[in-house]
């Protein structure tokens, strides 16, 4: 609805095991940023 846009990652790693998907460089361990850190980036 607005421009410009940006993309964000608030976590890395996916614990699910879908057979068609793999991101080996990020691992299967879910690692998340804190809510404050995420919204700090949005505010920036």
ModelCIF file with pLDDT and N, C-alpha, C, O atoms, coordinates in Angstrom:
data_MODEL
#
_entry.id   MODEL 
#
_entity.id                         1 
_entity.type                       polymer 
_entity.pdbx_number_of_molecules   1 
#
_entity_poly.entity_id                      1 
_entity_poly.type                           'polypeptide(L)' 
_entity_poly.nstd_linkage                   no 
_entity_poly.nstd_monomer                   no 
_entity_poly.pdbx_seq_one_letter_code       
;(UNK)(UNK)(UNK)(UNK)(UNK)(UNK)(UNK)(UNK)(UNK)(UNK)(UNK)(UNK)(UNK)(UNK)(UNK)(UNK)
(UNK)(UNK)(UNK)(UNK)(UNK)(UNK)(UNK)(UNK)(UNK)(UNK)(UNK)(UNK)(UNK)(UNK)(UNK)(UNK)
(UNK)(UNK)(UNK)(UNK)(UNK)(UNK)(UNK)(UNK)(UNK)(UNK)(UNK)(UNK)
;
_entity_poly.pdbx_seq_one_letter_code_can   XXXXXXXXXXXXXXXXXXXXXXXXXXXXXXXXXXXXXXXXXXXX 
_entity_poly.pdbx_strand_id                 A 
#
loop_
_entity_poly_seq.entity_id 
_entity_poly_seq.num 
_entity_poly_seq.mon_id 
_entity_poly_seq.hetero 
1 1  UNK n 
1 2  UNK n 
1 3  UNK n 
1 4  UNK n 
1 5  UNK n 
1 6  UNK n 
1 7  UNK n 
1 8  UNK n 
1 9  UNK n 
1 10 UNK n 
1 11 UNK n 
1 12 UNK n 
1 13 UNK n 
1 14 UNK n 
1 15 UNK n 
1 16 UNK n 
1 17 UNK n 
1 18 UNK n 
1 19 UNK n 
1 20 UNK n 
1 21 UNK n 
1 22 UNK n 
1 23 UNK n 
1 24 UNK n 
1 25 UNK n 
1 26 UNK n 
1 27 UNK n 
1 28 UNK n 
1 29 UNK n 
1 30 UNK n 
1 31 UNK n 
1 32 UNK n 
1 33 UNK n 
1 34 UNK n 
1 35 UNK n 
1 36 UNK n 
1 37 UNK n 
1 38 UNK n 
1 39 UNK n 
1 40 UNK n 
1 41 UNK n 
1 42 UNK n 
1 43 UNK n 
1 44 UNK n 
#
_struct_asym.id          A 
_struct_asym.entity_id   1 
#
loop_
_ma_qa_metric.id 
_ma_qa_metric.mode 
_ma_qa_metric.name 
_ma_qa_metric.software_group_id 
_ma_qa_metric.type 
1 global pLDDT . pLDDT 
2 local  pLDDT . pLDDT 
#
_ma_qa_metric_global.metric_id      1 
_ma_qa_metric_global.metric_value   88.82 
_ma_qa_metric_global.model_id       1 
_ma_qa_metric_global.ordinal_id     1 
#
loop_
_ma_qa_metric_local.label_asym_id 
_ma_qa_metric_local.label_comp_id 
_ma_qa_metric_local.label_seq_id 
_ma_qa_metric_local.metric_id 
_ma_qa_metric_local.metric_value 
_ma_qa_metric_local.model_id 
_ma_qa_metric_local.ordinal_id 
A UNK 1  2 82.00 1 1  
A UNK 2  2 88.00 1 2  
A UNK 3  2 88.00 1 3  
A UNK 4  2 93.00 1 4  
A UNK 5  2 94.00 1 5  
A UNK 6  2 96.00 1 6  
A UNK 7  2 95.00 1 7  
A UNK 8  2 96.00 1 8  
A UNK 9  2 97.00 1 9  
A UNK 10 2 98.00 1 10 
A UNK 11 2 96.00 1 11 
A UNK 12 2 94.00 1 12 
A UNK 13 2 89.00 1 13 
A UNK 14 2 87.00 1 14 
A UNK 15 2 86.00 1 15 
A UNK 16 2 86.00 1 16 
A UNK 17 2 85.00 1 17 
A UNK 18 2 88.00 1 18 
A UNK 19 2 89.00 1 19 
A UNK 20 2 86.00 1 20 
A UNK 21 2 83.00 1 21 
A UNK 22 2 70.00 1 22 
A UNK 23 2 70.00 1 23 
A UNK 24 2 65.00 1 24 
A UNK 25 2 63.00 1 25 
A UNK 26 2 68.00 1 26 
A UNK 27 2 65.00 1 27 
A UNK 28 2 70.00 1 28 
A UNK 29 2 84.00 1 29 
A UNK 30 2 90.00 1 30 
A UNK 31 2 95.00 1 31 
A UNK 32 2 96.00 1 32 
A UNK 33 2 98.00 1 33 
A UNK 34 2 98.00 1 34 
A UNK 35 2 98.00 1 35 
A UNK 36 2 98.00 1 36 
A UNK 37 2 98.00 1 37 
A UNK 38 2 98.00 1 38 
A UNK 39 2 98.00 1 39 
A UNK 40 2 98.00 1 40 
A UNK 41 2 98.00 1 41 
A UNK 42 2 98.00 1 42 
A UNK 43 2 98.00 1 43 
A UNK 44 2 98.00 1 44 
#
loop_
_atom_site.group_PDB 
_atom_site.id 
_atom_site.type_symbol 
_atom_site.label_atom_id 
_atom_site.label_alt_id 
_atom_site.label_comp_id 
_atom_site.label_asym_id 
_atom_site.label_entity_id 
_atom_site.label_seq_id 
_atom_site.pdbx_PDB_ins_code 
_atom_site.Cartn_x 
_atom_site.Cartn_y 
_atom_site.Cartn_z 
_atom_site.occupancy 
_atom_site.B_iso_or_equiv 
_atom_site.pdbx_formal_charge 
_atom_site.auth_seq_id 
_atom_site.auth_comp_id 
_atom_site.auth_asym_id 
_atom_site.auth_atom_id 
_atom_site.pdbx_PDB_model_num 
ATOM 1   N N  . UNK A 1 1  ? 0.822  -1.207  0.000  1.00 82.00 ? 1  UNK A N  1 
ATOM 2   C CA . UNK A 1 1  ? 0.000  0.000   0.000  1.00 82.00 ? 1  UNK A CA 1 
ATOM 3   C C  . UNK A 1 1  ? 0.860  1.263   0.000  1.00 82.00 ? 1  UNK A C  1 
ATOM 4   O O  . UNK A 1 1  ? 0.394  2.346   -0.354 1.00 82.00 ? 1  UNK A O  1 
ATOM 5   N N  . UNK A 1 2  ? 2.120  1.109   0.401  1.00 88.00 ? 2  UNK A N  1 
ATOM 6   C CA . UNK A 1 2  ? 3.007  2.260   0.529  1.00 88.00 ? 2  UNK A CA 1 
ATOM 7   C C  . UNK A 1 2  ? 4.316  1.989   -0.201 1.00 88.00 ? 2  UNK A C  1 
ATOM 8   O O  . UNK A 1 2  ? 4.708  0.838   -0.396 1.00 88.00 ? 2  UNK A O  1 
ATOM 9   N N  . UNK A 1 3  ? 4.974  3.047   -0.594 1.00 88.00 ? 3  UNK A N  1 
ATOM 10  C CA . UNK A 1 3  ? 6.334  2.945   -1.113 1.00 88.00 ? 3  UNK A CA 1 
ATOM 11  C C  . UNK A 1 3  ? 7.169  4.019   -0.431 1.00 88.00 ? 3  UNK A C  1 
ATOM 12  O O  . UNK A 1 3  ? 6.649  5.085   -0.101 1.00 88.00 ? 3  UNK A O  1 
ATOM 13  N N  . UNK A 1 4  ? 8.455  3.758   -0.214 1.00 93.00 ? 4  UNK A N  1 
ATOM 14  C CA . UNK A 1 4  ? 9.145  2.515   -0.538 1.00 93.00 ? 4  UNK A CA 1 
ATOM 15  C C  . UNK A 1 4  ? 8.829  1.420   0.474  1.00 93.00 ? 4  UNK A C  1 
ATOM 16  O O  . UNK A 1 4  ? 8.226  1.670   1.518  1.00 93.00 ? 4  UNK A O  1 
ATOM 17  N N  . UNK A 1 5  ? 9.248  0.210   0.143  1.00 94.00 ? 5  UNK A N  1 
ATOM 18  C CA . UNK A 1 5  ? 9.088  -0.929  1.056  1.00 94.00 ? 5  UNK A CA 1 
ATOM 19  C C  . UNK A 1 5  ? 10.470 -1.441  1.459  1.00 94.00 ? 5  UNK A C  1 
ATOM 20  O O  . UNK A 1 5  ? 11.478 -1.080  0.853  1.00 94.00 ? 5  UNK A O  1 
ATOM 21  N N  . UNK A 1 6  ? 10.500 -2.264  2.464  1.00 96.00 ? 6  UNK A N  1 
ATOM 22  C CA . UNK A 1 6  ? 11.727 -2.982  2.781  1.00 96.00 ? 6  UNK A CA 1 
ATOM 23  C C  . UNK A 1 6  ? 11.380 -4.381  3.250  1.00 96.00 ? 6  UNK A C  1 
ATOM 24  O O  . UNK A 1 6  ? 10.251 -4.656  3.654  1.00 96.00 ? 6  UNK A O  1 
ATOM 25  N N  . UNK A 1 7  ? 12.363 -5.253  3.190  1.00 95.00 ? 7  UNK A N  1 
ATOM 26  C CA . UNK A 1 7  ? 12.221 -6.597  3.745  1.00 95.00 ? 7  UNK A CA 1 
ATOM 27  C C  . UNK A 1 7  ? 12.974 -6.663  5.066  1.00 95.00 ? 7  UNK A C  1 
ATOM 28  O O  . UNK A 1 7  ? 13.879 -5.867  5.316  1.00 95.00 ? 7  UNK A O  1 
ATOM 29  N N  . UNK A 1 8  ? 12.595 -7.614  5.904  1.00 96.00 ? 8  UNK A N  1 
ATOM 30  C CA . UNK A 1 8  ? 13.235 -7.802  7.199  1.00 96.00 ? 8  UNK A CA 1 
ATOM 31  C C  . UNK A 1 8  ? 13.310 -9.279  7.541  1.00 96.00 ? 8  UNK A C  1 
ATOM 32  O O  . UNK A 1 8  ? 12.444 -10.066 7.157  1.00 96.00 ? 8  UNK A O  1 
ATOM 33  N N  . UNK A 1 9  ? 14.345 -9.641  8.261  1.00 97.00 ? 9  UNK A N  1 
ATOM 34  C CA . UNK A 1 9  ? 14.402 -10.940 8.921  1.00 97.00 ? 9  UNK A CA 1 
ATOM 35  C C  . UNK A 1 9  ? 14.363 -10.696 10.423 1.00 97.00 ? 9  UNK A C  1 
ATOM 36  O O  . UNK A 1 9  ? 15.188 -9.951  10.952 1.00 97.00 ? 9  UNK A O  1 
ATOM 37  N N  . UNK A 1 10 ? 13.419 -11.314 11.108 1.00 98.00 ? 10 UNK A N  1 
ATOM 38  C CA . UNK A 1 10 ? 13.380 -11.194 12.567 1.00 98.00 ? 10 UNK A CA 1 
ATOM 39  C C  . UNK A 1 10 ? 13.821 -12.489 13.240 1.00 98.00 ? 10 UNK A C  1 
ATOM 40  O O  . UNK A 1 10 ? 13.898 -12.566 14.466 1.00 98.00 ? 10 UNK A O  1 
ATOM 41  N N  . UNK A 1 11 ? 14.109 -13.511 12.424 1.00 96.00 ? 11 UNK A N  1 
ATOM 42  C CA . UNK A 1 11 ? 14.593 -14.788 12.953 1.00 96.00 ? 11 UNK A CA 1 
ATOM 43  C C  . UNK A 1 11 ? 15.374 -15.491 11.859 1.00 96.00 ? 11 UNK A C  1 
ATOM 44  O O  . UNK A 1 11 ? 15.338 -15.098 10.693 1.00 96.00 ? 11 UNK A O  1 
ATOM 45  N N  . UNK A 1 12 ? 16.076 -16.532 12.256 1.00 94.00 ? 12 UNK A N  1 
ATOM 46  C CA . UNK A 1 12 ? 16.790 -17.375 11.297 1.00 94.00 ? 12 UNK A CA 1 
ATOM 47  C C  . UNK A 1 12 ? 16.572 -18.830 11.679 1.00 94.00 ? 12 UNK A C  1 
ATOM 48  O O  . UNK A 1 12 ? 16.439 -19.174 12.853 1.00 94.00 ? 12 UNK A O  1 
ATOM 49  N N  . UNK A 1 13 ? 16.539 -19.672 10.655 1.00 89.00 ? 13 UNK A N  1 
ATOM 50  C CA . UNK A 1 13 ? 16.363 -21.102 10.902 1.00 89.00 ? 13 UNK A CA 1 
ATOM 51  C C  . UNK A 1 13 ? 14.905 -21.497 10.963 1.00 89.00 ? 13 UNK A C  1 
ATOM 52  O O  . UNK A 1 13 ? 14.077 -20.787 11.534 1.00 89.00 ? 13 UNK A O  1 
ATOM 53  N N  . UNK A 1 14 ? 14.598 -22.645 10.366 1.00 87.00 ? 14 UNK A N  1 
ATOM 54  C CA . UNK A 1 14 ? 13.219 -23.153 10.375 1.00 87.00 ? 14 UNK A CA 1 
ATOM 55  C C  . UNK A 1 14 ? 13.222 -24.574 10.924 1.00 87.00 ? 14 UNK A C  1 
ATOM 56  O O  . UNK A 1 14 ? 13.940 -25.427 10.404 1.00 87.00 ? 14 UNK A O  1 
ATOM 57  N N  . UNK A 1 15 ? 12.433 -24.850 11.966 1.00 86.00 ? 15 UNK A N  1 
ATOM 58  C CA . UNK A 1 15 ? 12.440 -26.187 12.580 1.00 86.00 ? 15 UNK A CA 1 
ATOM 59  C C  . UNK A 1 15 ? 11.600 -27.213 11.832 1.00 86.00 ? 15 UNK A C  1 
ATOM 60  O O  . UNK A 1 15 ? 11.641 -28.398 12.160 1.00 86.00 ? 15 UNK A O  1 
ATOM 61  N N  . UNK A 1 16 ? 10.836 -26.774 10.826 1.00 86.00 ? 16 UNK A N  1 
ATOM 62  C CA . UNK A 1 16 ? 9.960  -27.703 10.129 1.00 86.00 ? 16 UNK A CA 1 
ATOM 63  C C  . UNK A 1 16 ? 10.741 -28.500 9.080  1.00 86.00 ? 16 UNK A C  1 
ATOM 64  O O  . UNK A 1 16 ? 11.843 -28.117 8.686  1.00 86.00 ? 16 UNK A O  1 
ATOM 65  N N  . UNK A 1 17 ? 10.161 -29.596 8.644  1.00 85.00 ? 17 UNK A N  1 
ATOM 66  C CA . UNK A 1 17 ? 10.885 -30.558 7.815  1.00 85.00 ? 17 UNK A CA 1 
ATOM 67  C C  . UNK A 1 17 ? 10.204 -30.802 6.473  1.00 85.00 ? 17 UNK A C  1 
ATOM 68  O O  . UNK A 1 17 ? 10.150 -31.942 6.012  1.00 85.00 ? 17 UNK A O  1 
ATOM 69  N N  . UNK A 1 18 ? 9.691  -29.766 5.847  1.00 88.00 ? 18 UNK A N  1 
ATOM 70  C CA . UNK A 1 18 ? 9.093  -29.925 4.519  1.00 88.00 ? 18 UNK A CA 1 
ATOM 71  C C  . UNK A 1 18 ? 10.142 -30.508 3.576  1.00 88.00 ? 18 UNK A C  1 
ATOM 72  O O  . UNK A 1 18 ? 11.274 -30.027 3.527  1.00 88.00 ? 18 UNK A O  1 
ATOM 73  N N  . UNK A 1 19 ? 9.767  -31.535 2.836  1.00 89.00 ? 19 UNK A N  1 
ATOM 74  C CA . UNK A 1 19 ? 10.755 -32.264 2.041  1.00 89.00 ? 19 UNK A CA 1 
ATOM 75  C C  . UNK A 1 19 ? 11.224 -31.490 0.814  1.00 89.00 ? 19 UNK A C  1 
ATOM 76  O O  . UNK A 1 19 ? 12.240 -31.842 0.215  1.00 89.00 ? 19 UNK A O  1 
ATOM 77  N N  . UNK A 1 20 ? 10.493 -30.434 0.429  1.00 86.00 ? 20 UNK A N  1 
ATOM 78  C CA . UNK A 1 20 ? 10.837 -29.688 -0.775 1.00 86.00 ? 20 UNK A CA 1 
ATOM 79  C C  . UNK A 1 20 ? 11.663 -28.440 -0.475 1.00 86.00 ? 20 UNK A C  1 
ATOM 80  O O  . UNK A 1 20 ? 12.040 -27.718 -1.398 1.00 86.00 ? 20 UNK A O  1 
ATOM 81  N N  . UNK A 1 21 ? 11.948 -28.178 0.786  1.00 83.00 ? 21 UNK A N  1 
ATOM 82  C CA . UNK A 1 21 ? 12.571 -26.911 1.177  1.00 83.00 ? 21 UNK A CA 1 
ATOM 83  C C  . UNK A 1 21 ? 13.784 -27.183 2.047  1.00 83.00 ? 21 UNK A C  1 
ATOM 84  O O  . UNK A 1 21 ? 13.766 -28.071 2.898  1.00 83.00 ? 21 UNK A O  1 
ATOM 85  N N  . UNK A 1 22 ? 14.841 -26.407 1.824  1.00 70.00 ? 22 UNK A N  1 
ATOM 86  C CA . UNK A 1 22 ? 16.006 -26.512 2.696  1.00 70.00 ? 22 UNK A CA 1 
ATOM 87  C C  . UNK A 1 22 ? 16.818 -25.229 2.595  1.00 70.00 ? 22 UNK A C  1 
ATOM 88  O O  . UNK A 1 22 ? 17.056 -24.716 1.501  1.00 70.00 ? 22 UNK A O  1 
ATOM 89  N N  . UNK A 1 23 ? 17.236 -24.720 3.736  1.00 70.00 ? 23 UNK A N  1 
ATOM 90  C CA . UNK A 1 23 ? 18.148 -23.580 3.797  1.00 70.00 ? 23 UNK A CA 1 
ATOM 91  C C  . UNK A 1 23 ? 19.309 -23.985 4.697  1.00 70.00 ? 23 UNK A C  1 
ATOM 92  O O  . UNK A 1 23 ? 19.384 -23.549 5.846  1.00 70.00 ? 23 UNK A O  1 
ATOM 93  N N  . UNK A 1 24 ? 20.208 -24.811 4.186  1.00 65.00 ? 24 UNK A N  1 
ATOM 94  C CA . UNK A 1 24 ? 21.233 -25.402 5.053  1.00 65.00 ? 24 UNK A CA 1 
ATOM 95  C C  . UNK A 1 24 ? 22.173 -24.379 5.674  1.00 65.00 ? 24 UNK A C  1 
ATOM 96  O O  . UNK A 1 24 ? 22.742 -24.626 6.737  1.00 65.00 ? 24 UNK A O  1 
ATOM 97  N N  . UNK A 1 25 ? 22.340 -23.236 5.023  1.00 63.00 ? 25 UNK A N  1 
ATOM 98  C CA . UNK A 1 25 ? 23.254 -22.234 5.561  1.00 63.00 ? 25 UNK A CA 1 
ATOM 99  C C  . UNK A 1 25 ? 22.702 -21.557 6.815  1.00 63.00 ? 25 UNK A C  1 
ATOM 100 O O  . UNK A 1 25 ? 23.447 -20.908 7.549  1.00 63.00 ? 25 UNK A O  1 
ATOM 101 N N  . UNK A 1 26 ? 21.380 -21.708 7.065  1.00 68.00 ? 26 UNK A N  1 
ATOM 102 C CA . UNK A 1 26 ? 20.763 -21.082 8.239  1.00 68.00 ? 26 UNK A CA 1 
ATOM 103 C C  . UNK A 1 26 ? 20.391 -22.101 9.310  1.00 68.00 ? 26 UNK A C  1 
ATOM 104 O O  . UNK A 1 26 ? 20.055 -21.719 10.431 1.00 68.00 ? 26 UNK A O  1 
ATOM 105 N N  . UNK A 1 27 ? 20.445 -23.384 8.985  1.00 65.00 ? 27 UNK A N  1 
ATOM 106 C CA . UNK A 1 27 ? 20.206 -24.419 9.973  1.00 65.00 ? 27 UNK A CA 1 
ATOM 107 C C  . UNK A 1 27 ? 18.738 -24.654 10.276 1.00 65.00 ? 27 UNK A C  1 
ATOM 108 O O  . UNK A 1 27 ? 17.868 -23.921 9.805  1.00 65.00 ? 27 UNK A O  1 
ATOM 109 N N  . UNK A 1 28 ? 18.474 -25.679 11.063 1.00 70.00 ? 28 UNK A N  1 
ATOM 110 C CA . UNK A 1 28 ? 17.120 -26.042 11.459 1.00 70.00 ? 28 UNK A CA 1 
ATOM 111 C C  . UNK A 1 28 ? 16.763 -25.532 12.855 1.00 70.00 ? 28 UNK A C  1 
ATOM 112 O O  . UNK A 1 28 ? 15.639 -25.731 13.316 1.00 70.00 ? 28 UNK A O  1 
ATOM 113 N N  . UNK A 1 29 ? 17.688 -24.893 13.515 1.00 84.00 ? 29 UNK A N  1 
ATOM 114 C CA . UNK A 1 29 ? 17.429 -24.349 14.842 1.00 84.00 ? 29 UNK A CA 1 
ATOM 115 C C  . UNK A 1 29 ? 16.818 -22.960 14.722 1.00 84.00 ? 29 UNK A C  1 
ATOM 116 O O  . UNK A 1 29 ? 17.420 -22.064 14.129 1.00 84.00 ? 29 UNK A O  1 
ATOM 117 N N  . UNK A 1 30 ? 15.634 -22.779 15.279 1.00 90.00 ? 30 UNK A N  1 
ATOM 118 C CA . UNK A 1 30 ? 14.959 -21.484 15.223 1.00 90.00 ? 30 UNK A CA 1 
ATOM 119 C C  . UNK A 1 30 ? 15.618 -20.518 16.202 1.00 90.00 ? 30 UNK A C  1 
ATOM 120 O O  . UNK A 1 30 ? 15.659 -20.766 17.407 1.00 90.00 ? 30 UNK A O  1 
ATOM 121 N N  . UNK A 1 31 ? 16.128 -19.424 15.673 1.00 95.00 ? 31 UNK A N  1 
ATOM 122 C CA . UNK A 1 31 ? 16.787 -18.394 16.484 1.00 95.00 ? 31 UNK A CA 1 
ATOM 123 C C  . UNK A 1 31 ? 16.112 -17.063 16.202 1.00 95.00 ? 31 UNK A C  1 
ATOM 124 O O  . UNK A 1 31 ? 16.034 -16.635 15.051 1.00 95.00 ? 31 UNK A O  1 
ATOM 125 N N  . UNK A 1 32 ? 15.635 -16.422 17.226 1.00 96.00 ? 32 UNK A N  1 
ATOM 126 C CA . UNK A 1 32 ? 14.809 -15.228 17.029 1.00 96.00 ? 32 UNK A CA 1 
ATOM 127 C C  . UNK A 1 32 ? 15.413 -14.003 17.694 1.00 96.00 ? 32 UNK A C  1 
ATOM 128 O O  . UNK A 1 32 ? 16.054 -14.093 18.741 1.00 96.00 ? 32 UNK A O  1 
ATOM 129 N N  . UNK A 1 33 ? 15.195 -12.867 17.069 1.00 98.00 ? 33 UNK A N  1 
ATOM 130 C CA . UNK A 1 33 ? 15.542 -11.582 17.676 1.00 98.00 ? 33 UNK A CA 1 
ATOM 131 C C  . UNK A 1 33 ? 14.462 -11.207 18.680 1.00 98.00 ? 33 UNK A C  1 
ATOM 132 O O  . UNK A 1 33 ? 13.321 -11.655 18.567 1.00 98.00 ? 33 UNK A O  1 
ATOM 133 N N  . UNK A 1 34 ? 14.815 -10.398 19.644 1.00 98.00 ? 34 UNK A N  1 
ATOM 134 C CA . UNK A 1 34 ? 13.838 -9.965  20.638 1.00 98.00 ? 34 UNK A CA 1 
ATOM 135 C C  . UNK A 1 34 ? 12.840 -9.001  20.003 1.00 98.00 ? 34 UNK A C  1 
ATOM 136 O O  . UNK A 1 34 ? 13.128 -8.355  18.995 1.00 98.00 ? 34 UNK A O  1 
ATOM 137 N N  . UNK A 1 35 ? 11.668 -8.919  20.612 1.00 98.00 ? 35 UNK A N  1 
ATOM 138 C CA . UNK A 1 35 ? 10.638 -8.014  20.102 1.00 98.00 ? 35 UNK A CA 1 
ATOM 139 C C  . UNK A 1 35 ? 11.133 -6.570  20.088 1.00 98.00 ? 35 UNK A C  1 
ATOM 140 O O  . UNK A 1 35 ? 10.868 -5.842  19.132 1.00 98.00 ? 35 UNK A O  1 
ATOM 141 N N  . UNK A 1 36 ? 11.845 -6.143  21.132 1.00 98.00 ? 36 UNK A N  1 
ATOM 142 C CA . UNK A 1 36 ? 12.350 -4.768  21.187 1.00 98.00 ? 36 UNK A CA 1 
ATOM 143 C C  . UNK A 1 36 ? 13.323 -4.499  20.049 1.00 98.00 ? 36 UNK A C  1 
ATOM 144 O O  . UNK A 1 36 ? 13.278 -3.437  19.427 1.00 98.00 ? 36 UNK A O  1 
ATOM 145 N N  . UNK A 1 37 ? 14.203 -5.460  19.774 1.00 98.00 ? 37 UNK A N  1 
ATOM 146 C CA . UNK A 1 37 ? 15.178 -5.297  18.703 1.00 98.00 ? 37 UNK A CA 1 
ATOM 147 C C  . UNK A 1 37 ? 14.488 -5.204  17.344 1.00 98.00 ? 37 UNK A C  1 
ATOM 148 O O  . UNK A 1 37 ? 14.884 -4.400  16.500 1.00 98.00 ? 37 UNK A O  1 
ATOM 149 N N  . UNK A 1 38 ? 13.465 -6.016  17.131 1.00 98.00 ? 38 UNK A N  1 
ATOM 150 C CA . UNK A 1 38 ? 12.719 -5.998  15.874 1.00 98.00 ? 38 UNK A CA 1 
ATOM 151 C C  . UNK A 1 38 ? 12.056 -4.641  15.657 1.00 98.00 ? 38 UNK A C  1 
ATOM 152 O O  . UNK A 1 38 ? 12.159 -4.056  14.578 1.00 98.00 ? 38 UNK A O  1 
ATOM 153 N N  . UNK A 1 39 ? 11.387 -4.155  16.675 1.00 98.00 ? 39 UNK A N  1 
ATOM 154 C CA . UNK A 1 39 ? 10.652 -2.896  16.511 1.00 98.00 ? 39 UNK A CA 1 
ATOM 155 C C  . UNK A 1 39 ? 11.621 -1.710  16.478 1.00 98.00 ? 39 UNK A C  1 
ATOM 156 O O  . UNK A 1 39 ? 11.320 -0.693  15.854 1.00 98.00 ? 39 UNK A O  1 
ATOM 157 N N  . UNK A 1 40 ? 12.764 -1.823  17.130 1.00 98.00 ? 40 UNK A N  1 
ATOM 158 C CA . UNK A 1 40 ? 13.801 -0.792  16.983 1.00 98.00 ? 40 UNK A CA 1 
ATOM 159 C C  . UNK A 1 40 ? 14.206 -0.645  15.517 1.00 98.00 ? 40 UNK A C  1 
ATOM 160 O O  . UNK A 1 40 ? 14.382 0.469   15.024 1.00 98.00 ? 40 UNK A O  1 
ATOM 161 N N  . UNK A 1 41 ? 14.353 -1.782  14.822 1.00 98.00 ? 41 UNK A N  1 
ATOM 162 C CA . UNK A 1 41 ? 14.715 -1.716  13.403 1.00 98.00 ? 41 UNK A CA 1 
ATOM 163 C C  . UNK A 1 41 ? 13.590 -1.084  12.584 1.00 98.00 ? 41 UNK A C  1 
ATOM 164 O O  . UNK A 1 41 ? 13.842 -0.277  11.689 1.00 98.00 ? 41 UNK A O  1 
ATOM 165 N N  . UNK A 1 42 ? 12.354 -1.456  12.895 1.00 98.00 ? 42 UNK A N  1 
ATOM 166 C CA . UNK A 1 42 ? 11.229 -0.831  12.190 1.00 98.00 ? 42 UNK A CA 1 
ATOM 167 C C  . UNK A 1 42 ? 11.238 0.682   12.381 1.00 98.00 ? 42 UNK A C  1 
ATOM 168 O O  . UNK A 1 42 ? 11.031 1.438   11.432 1.00 98.00 ? 42 UNK A O  1 
ATOM 169 N N  . UNK A 1 43 ? 11.478 1.114   13.612 1.00 98.00 ? 43 UNK A N  1 
ATOM 170 C CA . UNK A 1 43 ? 11.480 2.548   13.901 1.00 98.00 ? 43 UNK A CA 1 
ATOM 171 C C  . UNK A 1 43 ? 12.632 3.252   13.177 1.00 98.00 ? 43 UNK A C  1 
ATOM 172 O O  . UNK A 1 43 ? 12.476 4.377   12.702 1.00 98.00 ? 43 UNK A O  1 
ATOM 173 N N  . UNK A 1 44 ? 13.785 2.588   13.097 1.00 98.00 ? 44 UNK A N  1 
ATOM 174 C CA . UNK A 1 44 ? 14.907 3.163   12.353 1.00 98.00 ? 44 UNK A CA 1 
ATOM 175 C C  . UNK A 1 44 ? 14.562 3.303   10.873 1.00 98.00 ? 44 UNK A C  1 
ATOM 176 O O  . UNK A 1 44 ? 15.387 3.770   10.088 1.00 98.00 ? 44 UNK A O  1 
#
